[in-house]
Amino acid sequence: MPKELFISVSIYSAFCGACDKLVFKMRNHLIIFFSILSLSLSSVNSLGAAPVKNSGYFVLRVYHFSAAAQQASIDSFLRLQLLPYLHRSKLNHIGVFNAIANDTSADKKIYVFIPFNNLQQWETVHSGAIENGMTGDGGYANAAYNNPAYSRFETVLLKAFPLMPPIVPSKLSSPKSDRVYELRSYEGPSEKFFRNKVKMFNEGGEIPLFNRLGFNGVFYGEVMFGSKMPNLMYMTSFENMKSREEHWEAFRNDPEWKTLSGKQEYQHNVSHIDITFLRPTEYSEL
């Protein structure tokens, strides 16, 4: 090989080798850069896109009674002792309701709704009430065995659905004596079907549908402990009974509901429904 050609080939080879090294380094730097960028974007996306999940709990206490004197005793206890104690315990948005059927029913009922941030808060408030003797006035706590303040009471513990909106005071403008609060209880034929109905409310979009149609939802939750299991309960509110009928008519005819309820995956997930109409007391905070 001529000397000049040999030198040219050597220079070319050295130049190509340097280029290869430069390209290799640039490629590595780019891989590292885009890997870091990808991780950063995925982190931001996960933080921004993840739905905020509700972790609250509710207690629904139902007083059963039959006489007007019992109602007055329960009402006095709730208004003058229980609510002030709950407020001192940093709890708000307490709902107190009378069943509309009380006018004609022998088994009359008062419903008390108490929201908690977590189970520890419930335990602290509950044990504090017992330790401090917060059990009512003379007519409630010291009623004679043959003239009790109530027939019985039942307590239902619920956990908020993940996509349940925050609890806020009622936005209704009508007089409280006209308002209608609708408490619904849905029992499932099995735990599997029950979970399917809970999914329908959340991922399926039933709660957003209620919100869009202006149902003024108070709460949506899974019954953790109660007499009817498996079970979910929710409460909506309306200006009056006429408004309630109009809202449900709109719901039944809504194309989104027809599509959702027609999906094969959500069939047969409710075996029994109980509906109770309630009216808020004047001191109810919902």
C-alpha atoms as a PDB file:
ATOM      1  CA  MET A   1       0.000   0.000   0.000  1.00  0.00           C
ATOM      2  CA  PRO A   2       1.379   3.438  -0.876  1.00  0.00           C
ATOM      3  CA  LYS A   3       2.482   5.482   2.097  1.00  0.00           C
ATOM      4  CA  GLU A   4       0.066   8.355   1.367  1.00  0.00           C
ATOM      5  CA  LEU A   5      -2.920   5.973   1.143  1.00  0.00           C
ATOM      6  CA  PHE A   6      -1.944   4.287   4.391  1.00  0.00           C
ATOM      7  CA  ILE A   7      -1.848   7.638   6.198  1.00  0.00           C
ATOM      8  CA  SER A   8      -5.252   8.623   4.782  1.00  0.00           C
ATOM      9  CA  VAL A   9      -6.834   5.354   5.869  1.00  0.00           C
ATOM     10  CA  SER A  10      -5.338   5.697   9.355  1.00  0.00           C
ATOM     11  CA  ILE A  11      -6.655   9.250   9.734  1.00  0.00           C
ATOM     12  CA  TYR A  12     -10.097   8.148   8.530  1.00  0.00           C
ATOM     13  CA  SER A  13     -10.183   5.214  10.963  1.00  0.00           C
ATOM     14  CA  ALA A  14      -9.152   7.409  13.867  1.00  0.00           C
ATOM     15  CA  PHE A  15     -11.826   9.937  12.890  1.00  0.00           C
ATOM     16  CA  CYS A  16     -14.524   7.242  12.704  1.00  0.00           C
ATOM     17  CA  GLY A  17     -13.469   5.804  16.032  1.00  0.00           C
ATOM     18  CA  ALA A  18     -13.776   9.220  17.665  1.00  0.00           C
ATOM     19  CA  CYS A  19     -17.190   9.704  16.105  1.00  0.00           C
ATOM     20  CA  ASP A  20     -18.335   6.315  17.379  1.00  0.00           C
ATOM     21  CA  LYS A  21     -17.206   7.181  20.883  1.00  0.00           C
ATOM     22  CA  LEU A  22     -18.975  10.554  20.703  1.00  0.00           C
ATOM     23  CA  VAL A  23     -22.190   9.000  19.388  1.00  0.00           C
ATOM     24  CA  PHE A  24     -22.039   6.334  22.100  1.00  0.00           C
ATOM     25  CA  LYS A  25     -21.632   8.952  24.820  1.00  0.00           C
ATOM     26  CA  MET A  26     -24.438  11.101  23.394  1.00  0.00           C
ATOM     27  CA  ARG A  27     -26.714   8.082  23.147  1.00  0.00           C
ATOM     28  CA  ASN A  28     -26.072   7.189  26.791  1.00  0.00           C
ATOM     29  CA  HIS A  29     -26.715  10.758  27.904  1.00  0.00           C
ATOM     30  CA  LEU A  30     -29.962  10.845  25.929  1.00  0.00           C
ATOM     31  CA  ILE A  31     -31.101   7.540  27.410  1.00  0.00           C
ATOM     32  CA  ILE A  32     -30.455   8.821  30.934  1.00  0.00           C
ATOM     33  CA  PHE A  33     -32.150  12.159  30.177  1.00  0.00           C
ATOM     34  CA  PHE A  34     -35.314  10.641  28.748  1.00  0.00           C
ATOM     35  CA  SER A  35     -35.470   8.033  31.510  1.00  0.00           C
ATOM     36  CA  ILE A  36     -35.406  10.775  34.139  1.00  0.00           C
ATOM     37  CA  LEU A  37     -37.962  12.808  32.174  1.00  0.00           C
ATOM     38  CA  SER A  38     -40.256   9.794  31.851  1.00  0.00           C
ATOM     39  CA  LEU A  39     -40.090   9.080  35.565  1.00  0.00           C
ATOM     40  CA  SER A  40     -40.764  12.727  36.387  1.00  0.00           C
ATOM     41  CA  LEU A  41     -43.768  12.924  34.099  1.00  0.00           C
ATOM     42  CA  SER A  42     -45.202   9.661  35.370  1.00  0.00           C
ATOM     43  CA  SER A  43     -44.827  10.899  38.952  1.00  0.00           C
ATOM     44  CA  VAL A  44     -46.542  14.186  38.180  1.00  0.00           C
ATOM     45  CA  ASN A  45     -49.286  12.390  36.300  1.00  0.00           C
ATOM     46  CA  SER A  46     -49.910   9.928  39.124  1.00  0.00           C
ATOM     47  CA  LEU A  47     -50.076  12.745  41.647  1.00  0.00           C
ATOM     48  CA  GLY A  48     -52.377  14.860  39.540  1.00  0.00           C
ATOM     49  CA  ALA A  49     -54.625  12.211  38.036  1.00  0.00           C
ATOM     50  CA  ALA A  50     -55.259   9.961  41.019  1.00  0.00           C
ATOM     51  CA  PRO A  51     -58.793  10.498  42.337  1.00  0.00           C
ATOM     52  CA  VAL A  52     -59.126  11.781  45.876  1.00  0.00           C
ATOM     53  CA  LYS A  53     -60.608   8.938  47.874  1.00  0.00           C
ATOM     54  CA  ASN A  54     -62.994   9.592  50.735  1.00  0.00           C
ATOM     55  CA  SER A  55     -62.040   7.814  53.953  1.00  0.00           C
ATOM     56  CA  GLY A  56     -64.794   9.081  56.247  1.00  0.00           C
ATOM     57  CA  TYR A  57     -67.167   7.081  58.420  1.00  0.00           C
ATOM     58  CA  PHE A  58     -70.754   7.740  59.500  1.00  0.00           C
ATOM     59  CA  VAL A  59     -72.922   6.631  62.354  1.00  0.00           C
ATOM     60  CA  LEU A  60     -76.661   6.478  61.748  1.00  0.00           C
ATOM     61  CA  ARG A  61     -78.582   6.092  65.006  1.00  0.00           C
ATOM     62  CA  VAL A  62     -82.287   5.325  64.766  1.00  0.00           C
ATOM     63  CA  TYR A  63     -84.504   5.895  67.820  1.00  0.00           C
ATOM     64  CA  HIS A  64     -87.776   3.974  67.988  1.00  0.00           C
ATOM     65  CA  PHE A  65     -90.596   5.365  70.119  1.00  0.00           C
ATOM     66  CA  SER A  66     -94.376   5.472  70.308  1.00  0.00           C
ATOM     67  CA  ALA A  67     -95.427   8.344  72.595  1.00  0.00           C
ATOM     68  CA  ALA A  68     -95.210  12.121  72.245  1.00  0.00           C
ATOM     69  CA  ALA A  69     -93.491  12.375  75.649  1.00  0.00           C
ATOM     70  CA  GLN A  70     -90.739  10.052  74.402  1.00  0.00           C
ATOM     71  CA  GLN A  71     -90.220  12.176  71.324  1.00  0.00           C
ATOM     72  CA  ALA A  72     -89.913  15.296  73.479  1.00  0.00           C
ATOM     73  CA  SER A  73     -87.351  13.579  75.725  1.00  0.00           C
ATOM     74  CA  ILE A  74     -85.238  12.332  72.813  1.00  0.00           C
ATOM     75  CA  ASP A  75     -85.437  15.705  71.100  1.00  0.00           C
ATOM     76  CA  SER A  76     -84.328  17.539  74.241  1.00  0.00           C
ATOM     77  CA  PHE A  77     -81.360  15.197  74.680  1.00  0.00           C
ATOM     78  CA  LEU A  78     -80.241  15.563  71.078  1.00  0.00           C
ATOM     79  CA  ARG A  79     -80.622  19.335  70.903  1.00  0.00           C
ATOM     80  CA  LEU A  80     -79.320  20.329  74.336  1.00  0.00           C
ATOM     81  CA  GLN A  81     -76.715  17.664  75.063  1.00  0.00           C
ATOM     82  CA  LEU A  82     -75.628  15.482  72.175  1.00  0.00           C
ATOM     83  CA  LEU A  83     -75.088  18.168  69.527  1.00  0.00           C
ATOM     84  CA  PRO A  84     -73.209  20.544  71.885  1.00  0.00           C
ATOM     85  CA  TYR A  85     -70.991  17.630  72.966  1.00  0.00           C
ATOM     86  CA  LEU A  86     -70.282  16.676  69.343  1.00  0.00           C
ATOM     87  CA  HIS A  87     -69.436  20.287  68.525  1.00  0.00           C
ATOM     88  CA  ARG A  88     -66.981  20.392  71.423  1.00  0.00           C
ATOM     89  CA  SER A  89     -65.467  17.249  69.924  1.00  0.00           C
ATOM     90  CA  LYS A  90     -64.905  19.151  66.625  1.00  0.00           C
ATOM     91  CA  LEU A  91     -67.699  17.382  64.775  1.00  0.00           C
ATOM     92  CA  ASN A  92     -70.081  19.253  62.477  1.00  0.00           C
ATOM     93  CA  HIS A  93     -72.776  18.647  59.868  1.00  0.00           C
ATOM     94  CA  ILE A  94     -74.939  16.610  62.247  1.00  0.00           C
ATOM     95  CA  GLY A  95     -78.260  15.637  60.747  1.00  0.00           C
ATOM     96  CA  VAL A  96     -81.405  14.997  62.809  1.00  0.00           C
ATOM     97  CA  PHE A  97     -84.540  13.839  61.018  1.00  0.00           C
ATOM     98  CA  ASN A  98     -88.061  12.687  61.808  1.00  0.00           C
ATOM     99  CA  ALA A  99     -89.594   9.966  59.672  1.00  0.00           C
ATOM    100  CA  ILE A 100     -92.477  11.459  57.700  1.00  0.00           C
ATOM    101  CA  ALA A 101     -94.440   8.272  58.421  1.00  0.00           C
ATOM    102  CA  ASN A 102     -94.427   9.140  62.145  1.00  0.00           C
ATOM    103  CA  ASP A 103     -97.805  10.825  61.717  1.00  0.00           C
ATOM    104  CA  THR A 104     -99.522   7.494  61.102  1.00  0.00           C
ATOM    105  CA  SER A 105     -97.057   4.804  62.210  1.00  0.00           C
ATOM    106  CA  ALA A 106     -97.163   3.057  65.592  1.00  0.00           C
ATOM    107  CA  ASP A 107     -93.369   2.567  65.469  1.00  0.00           C
ATOM    108  CA  LYS A 108     -92.145   6.148  65.172  1.00  0.00           C
ATOM    109  CA  LYS A 109     -88.499   6.969  64.397  1.00  0.00           C
ATOM    110  CA  ILE A 110     -85.912   9.706  64.773  1.00  0.00           C
ATOM    111  CA  TYR A 111     -82.727   9.430  62.688  1.00  0.00           C
ATOM    112  CA  VAL A 112     -79.414  10.965  63.776  1.00  0.00           C
ATOM    113  CA  PHE A 113     -76.564  11.174  61.262  1.00  0.00           C
ATOM    114  CA  ILE A 114     -73.042  11.819  62.597  1.00  0.00           C
ATOM    115  CA  PRO A 115     -69.986  11.994  60.282  1.00  0.00           C
ATOM    116  CA  PHE A 116     -66.485  11.071  61.510  1.00  0.00           C
ATOM    117  CA  ASN A 117     -63.109  11.532  59.850  1.00  0.00           C
ATOM    118  CA  ASN A 118     -61.916   8.088  60.910  1.00  0.00           C
ATOM    119  CA  LEU A 119     -62.665   5.234  63.318  1.00  0.00           C
ATOM    120  CA  GLN A 120     -60.258   6.550  65.935  1.00  0.00           C
ATOM    121  CA  GLN A 121     -62.238   9.770  66.140  1.00  0.00           C
ATOM    122  CA  TRP A 122     -65.455   7.789  66.560  1.00  0.00           C
ATOM    123  CA  GLU A 123     -63.915   5.728  69.362  1.00  0.00           C
ATOM    124  CA  THR A 124     -62.606   8.844  71.141  1.00  0.00           C
ATOM    125  CA  VAL A 125     -65.966  10.620  70.962  1.00  0.00           C
ATOM    126  CA  HIS A 126     -67.908   7.511  71.964  1.00  0.00           C
ATOM    127  CA  SER A 127     -65.706   6.658  74.952  1.00  0.00           C
ATOM    128  CA  GLY A 128     -65.623  10.312  76.007  1.00  0.00           C
ATOM    129  CA  ALA A 129     -69.402  10.438  76.110  1.00  0.00           C
ATOM    130  CA  ILE A 130     -69.500   7.388  78.381  1.00  0.00           C
ATOM    131  CA  GLU A 131     -66.716   8.582  80.684  1.00  0.00           C
ATOM    132  CA  ASN A 132     -68.245  12.040  81.059  1.00  0.00           C
ATOM    133  CA  GLY A 133     -71.704  10.682  81.770  1.00  0.00           C
ATOM    134  CA  MET A 134     -73.152  12.451  78.736  1.00  0.00           C
ATOM    135  CA  THR A 135     -76.292  10.341  78.671  1.00  0.00           C
ATOM    136  CA  GLY A 136     -79.037  12.931  78.783  1.00  0.00           C
ATOM    137  CA  ASP A 137     -81.201  14.918  81.157  1.00  0.00           C
ATOM    138  CA  GLY A 138     -83.481  13.511  83.821  1.00  0.00           C
ATOM    139  CA  GLY A 139     -86.251  12.625  81.390  1.00  0.00           C
ATOM    140  CA  TYR A 140     -83.913  10.755  79.103  1.00  0.00           C
ATOM    141  CA  ALA A 141     -81.262   9.161  81.314  1.00  0.00           C
ATOM    142  CA  ASN A 142     -83.336   8.634  84.451  1.00  0.00           C
ATOM    143  CA  ALA A 143     -86.584   7.437  82.915  1.00  0.00           C
ATOM    144  CA  ALA A 144     -88.348   4.716  84.869  1.00  0.00           C
ATOM    145  CA  TYR A 145     -88.051   1.125  83.654  1.00  0.00           C
ATOM    146  CA  ASN A 146     -91.764   1.043  82.856  1.00  0.00           C
ATOM    147  CA  ASN A 147     -91.733   4.466  81.164  1.00  0.00           C
ATOM    148  CA  PRO A 148     -88.506   4.567  79.067  1.00  0.00           C
ATOM    149  CA  ALA A 149     -87.460   7.481  76.877  1.00  0.00           C
ATOM    150  CA  TYR A 150     -87.497   5.232  73.801  1.00  0.00           C
ATOM    151  CA  SER A 151     -88.531   1.740  72.807  1.00  0.00           C
ATOM    152  CA  ARG A 152     -85.127   0.841  71.380  1.00  0.00           C
ATOM    153  CA  PHE A 153     -82.406   2.388  69.280  1.00  0.00           C
ATOM    154  CA  GLU A 154     -80.253   0.850  66.566  1.00  0.00           C
ATOM    155  CA  THR A 155     -76.832   1.963  65.376  1.00  0.00           C
ATOM    156  CA  VAL A 156     -75.507   1.550  61.844  1.00  0.00           C
ATOM    157  CA  LEU A 157     -71.839   2.163  61.038  1.00  0.00           C
ATOM    158  CA  LEU A 158     -71.064   3.162  57.458  1.00  0.00           C
ATOM    159  CA  LYS A 159     -67.925   3.853  55.472  1.00  0.00           C
ATOM    160  CA  ALA A 160     -68.049   6.555  52.818  1.00  0.00           C
ATOM    161  CA  PHE A 161     -67.827   5.467  49.202  1.00  0.00           C
ATOM    162  CA  PRO A 162     -64.463   6.434  47.651  1.00  0.00           C
ATOM    163  CA  LEU A 163     -66.010   8.955  45.247  1.00  0.00           C
ATOM    164  CA  MET A 164     -68.523  10.456  47.677  1.00  0.00           C
ATOM    165  CA  PRO A 165     -68.383  14.279  47.649  1.00  0.00           C
ATOM    166  CA  PRO A 166     -67.518  16.078  50.913  1.00  0.00           C
ATOM    167  CA  ILE A 167     -70.435  16.588  53.308  1.00  0.00           C
ATOM    168  CA  VAL A 168     -71.688  20.162  53.220  1.00  0.00           C
ATOM    169  CA  PRO A 169     -74.722  21.921  54.717  1.00  0.00           C
ATOM    170  CA  SER A 170     -77.904  21.669  52.689  1.00  0.00           C
ATOM    171  CA  LYS A 171     -78.251  23.995  49.698  1.00  0.00           C
ATOM    172  CA  LEU A 172     -82.034  23.690  49.758  1.00  0.00           C
ATOM    173  CA  SER A 173     -83.927  26.963  50.140  1.00  0.00           C
ATOM    174  CA  SER A 174     -87.446  25.802  51.013  1.00  0.00           C
ATOM    175  CA  PRO A 175     -88.698  25.761  54.646  1.00  0.00           C
ATOM    176  CA  LYS A 176     -87.433  22.733  56.539  1.00  0.00           C
ATOM    177  CA  SER A 177     -91.027  21.660  57.103  1.00  0.00           C
ATOM    178  CA  ASP A 178     -91.391  21.169  53.325  1.00  0.00           C
ATOM    179  CA  ARG A 179     -88.097  19.442  52.584  1.00  0.00           C
ATOM    180  CA  VAL A 180     -87.866  15.732  51.840  1.00  0.00           C
ATOM    181  CA  TYR A 181     -84.782  13.661  52.622  1.00  0.00           C
ATOM    182  CA  GLU A 182     -84.819  10.220  51.054  1.00  0.00           C
ATOM    183  CA  LEU A 183     -82.872   7.434  52.765  1.00  0.00           C
ATOM    184  CA  ARG A 184     -82.347   4.367  50.602  1.00  0.00           C
ATOM    185  CA  SER A 185     -81.020   0.979  51.668  1.00  0.00           C
ATOM    186  CA  TYR A 186     -79.894  -1.494  48.996  1.00  0.00           C
ATOM    187  CA  GLU A 187     -79.288  -5.086  50.045  1.00  0.00           C
ATOM    188  CA  GLY A 188     -77.266  -7.376  47.788  1.00  0.00           C
ATOM    189  CA  PRO A 189     -78.000 -11.070  47.149  1.00  0.00           C
ATOM    190  CA  SER A 190     -74.383 -11.898  48.067  1.00  0.00           C
ATOM    191  CA  GLU A 191     -71.098 -10.173  48.888  1.00  0.00           C
ATOM    192  CA  LYS A 192     -70.023 -10.518  45.250  1.00  0.00           C
ATOM    193  CA  PHE A 193     -73.149  -8.815  43.883  1.00  0.00           C
ATOM    194  CA  PHE A 194     -72.999  -6.204  46.640  1.00  0.00           C
ATOM    195  CA  ARG A 195     -69.432  -5.259  45.636  1.00  0.00           C
ATOM    196  CA  ASN A 196     -70.655  -4.990  42.078  1.00  0.00           C
ATOM    197  CA  LYS A 197     -73.309  -2.448  43.112  1.00  0.00           C
ATOM    198  CA  VAL A 198     -70.712  -0.441  45.073  1.00  0.00           C
ATOM    199  CA  LYS A 199     -68.565  -0.405  41.926  1.00  0.00           C
ATOM    200  CA  MET A 200     -71.595   0.779  39.934  1.00  0.00           C
ATOM    201  CA  PHE A 201     -71.949   3.784  42.250  1.00  0.00           C
ATOM    202  CA  ASN A 202     -68.264   4.674  42.043  1.00  0.00           C
ATOM    203  CA  GLU A 203     -66.366   3.547  38.938  1.00  0.00           C
ATOM    204  CA  GLY A 204     -69.629   3.013  37.067  1.00  0.00           C
ATOM    205  CA  GLY A 205     -70.604   6.667  37.483  1.00  0.00           C
ATOM    206  CA  GLU A 206     -73.876   6.513  39.421  1.00  0.00           C
ATOM    207  CA  ILE A 207     -72.752   9.108  42.000  1.00  0.00           C
ATOM    208  CA  PRO A 208     -71.675  11.636  39.322  1.00  0.00           C
ATOM    209  CA  LEU A 209     -75.045  11.049  37.635  1.00  0.00           C
ATOM    210  CA  PHE A 210     -76.891  11.923  40.855  1.00  0.00           C
ATOM    211  CA  ASN A 211     -74.723  15.031  41.190  1.00  0.00           C
ATOM    212  CA  ARG A 212     -75.359  16.129  37.611  1.00  0.00           C
ATOM    213  CA  LEU A 213     -79.120  15.796  38.039  1.00  0.00           C
ATOM    214  CA  GLY A 214     -79.126  17.841  41.265  1.00  0.00           C
ATOM    215  CA  PHE A 215     -80.126  15.191  43.800  1.00  0.00           C
ATOM    216  CA  ASN A 216     -78.359  17.083  46.641  1.00  0.00           C
ATOM    217  CA  GLY A 217     -76.739  13.930  48.002  1.00  0.00           C
ATOM    218  CA  VAL A 218     -76.046  13.898  51.737  1.00  0.00           C
ATOM    219  CA  PHE A 219     -74.000  10.687  51.876  1.00  0.00           C
ATOM    220  CA  TYR A 220     -73.248   7.448  50.028  1.00  0.00           C
ATOM    221  CA  GLY A 221     -71.760   4.619  52.054  1.00  0.00           C
ATOM    222  CA  GLU A 222     -71.205   0.955  52.681  1.00  0.00           C
ATOM    223  CA  VAL A 223     -72.778  -0.505  55.810  1.00  0.00           C
ATOM    224  CA  MET A 224     -69.939  -1.939  57.885  1.00  0.00           C
ATOM    225  CA  PHE A 225     -72.083  -3.076  60.821  1.00  0.00           C
ATOM    226  CA  GLY A 226     -75.863  -3.302  60.814  1.00  0.00           C
ATOM    227  CA  SER A 227     -78.798  -5.655  60.942  1.00  0.00           C
ATOM    228  CA  LYS A 228     -79.078  -6.098  57.157  1.00  0.00           C
ATOM    229  CA  MET A 229     -75.944  -7.264  55.374  1.00  0.00           C
ATOM    230  CA  PRO A 230     -74.527  -6.934  52.778  1.00  0.00           C
ATOM    231  CA  ASN A 231     -75.967  -3.472  52.450  1.00  0.00           C
ATOM    232  CA  LEU A 232     -75.294   0.043  51.221  1.00  0.00           C
ATOM    233  CA  MET A 233     -77.169   3.208  52.095  1.00  0.00           C
ATOM    234  CA  TYR A 234     -77.389   6.702  50.683  1.00  0.00           C
ATOM    235  CA  MET A 235     -79.418   9.832  51.296  1.00  0.00           C
ATOM    236  CA  THR A 236     -80.588  12.497  48.849  1.00  0.00           C
ATOM    237  CA  SER A 237     -82.618  15.654  49.532  1.00  0.00           C
ATOM    238  CA  PHE A 238     -85.246  17.741  47.767  1.00  0.00           C
ATOM    239  CA  GLU A 239     -87.135  20.993  48.216  1.00  0.00           C
ATOM    240  CA  ASN A 240     -90.424  19.097  48.544  1.00  0.00           C
ATOM    241  CA  MET A 241     -92.114  15.858  47.477  1.00  0.00           C
ATOM    242  CA  LYS A 242     -93.021  17.259  44.050  1.00  0.00           C
ATOM    243  CA  SER A 243     -89.366  18.060  43.419  1.00  0.00           C
ATOM    244  CA  ARG A 244     -88.445  14.556  44.517  1.00  0.00           C
ATOM    245  CA  GLU A 245     -90.819  13.001  41.971  1.00  0.00           C
ATOM    246  CA  GLU A 246     -89.496  15.250  39.190  1.00  0.00           C
ATOM    247  CA  HIS A 247     -85.875  14.384  39.962  1.00  0.00           C
ATOM    248  CA  TRP A 248     -86.497  10.642  39.906  1.00  0.00           C
ATOM    249  CA  GLU A 249     -88.446  10.927  36.682  1.00  0.00           C
ATOM    250  CA  ALA A 250     -85.476  12.722  35.111  1.00  0.00           C
ATOM    251  CA  PHE A 251     -83.149  10.044  36.475  1.00  0.00           C
ATOM    252  CA  ARG A 252     -85.152   7.147  35.046  1.00  0.00           C
ATOM    253  CA  ASN A 253     -85.268   8.791  31.609  1.00  0.00           C
ATOM    254  CA  ASP A 254     -81.651   9.941  31.502  1.00  0.00           C
ATOM    255  CA  PRO A 255     -79.715   8.305  28.611  1.00  0.00           C
ATOM    256  CA  GLU A 256     -76.640   7.844  30.802  1.00  0.00           C
ATOM    257  CA  TRP A 257     -78.649   5.901  33.382  1.00  0.00           C
ATOM    258  CA  LYS A 258     -80.288   3.775  30.708  1.00  0.00           C
ATOM    259  CA  THR A 259     -76.856   2.878  29.352  1.00  0.00           C
ATOM    260  CA  LEU A 260     -75.391   2.193  32.788  1.00  0.00           C
ATOM    261  CA  SER A 261     -78.313   0.128  34.087  1.00  0.00           C
ATOM    262  CA  GLY A 262     -78.435  -1.857  30.835  1.00  0.00           C
ATOM    263  CA  LYS A 263     -74.858  -3.112  31.089  1.00  0.00           C
ATOM    264  CA  GLN A 264     -74.666  -6.846  31.584  1.00  0.00           C
ATOM    265  CA  GLU A 265     -71.976  -6.526  34.268  1.00  0.00           C
ATOM    266  CA  TYR A 266     -74.370  -4.647  36.597  1.00  0.00           C
ATOM    267  CA  GLN A 267     -77.367  -6.951  36.453  1.00  0.00           C
ATOM    268  CA  HIS A 268     -79.051  -8.489  39.543  1.00  0.00           C
ATOM    269  CA  ASN A 269     -76.846  -6.674  42.079  1.00  0.00           C
ATOM    270  CA  VAL A 270     -79.723  -5.509  44.313  1.00  0.00           C
ATOM    271  CA  SER A 271     -82.124  -7.960  45.945  1.00  0.00           C
ATOM    272  CA  HIS A 272     -84.112  -5.639  48.247  1.00  0.00           C
ATOM    273  CA  ILE A 273     -84.659  -1.877  48.589  1.00  0.00           C
ATOM    274  CA  ASP A 274     -85.998   0.050  51.583  1.00  0.00           C
ATOM    275  CA  ILE A 275     -87.002   3.693  51.113  1.00  0.00           C
ATOM    276  CA  THR A 276     -87.619   6.019  54.068  1.00  0.00           C
ATOM    277  CA  PHE A 277     -88.781   9.610  53.723  1.00  0.00           C
ATOM    278  CA  LEU A 278     -87.459  11.996  56.354  1.00  0.00           C
ATOM    279  CA  ARG A 279     -87.942  15.622  57.367  1.00  0.00           C
ATOM    280  CA  PRO A 280     -85.168  17.605  59.078  1.00  0.00           C
ATOM    281  CA  THR A 281     -85.682  19.048  62.533  1.00  0.00           C
ATOM    282  CA  GLU A 282     -85.244  22.797  62.942  1.00  0.00           C
ATOM    283  CA  TYR A 283     -81.820  22.248  64.527  1.00  0.00           C
ATOM    284  CA  SER A 284     -80.569  19.745  61.960  1.00  0.00           C
ATOM    285  CA  GLU A 285     -77.368  20.926  60.279  1.00  0.00           C
ATOM    286  CA  LEU A 286     -78.016  19.167  56.981  1.00  0.00           C
END
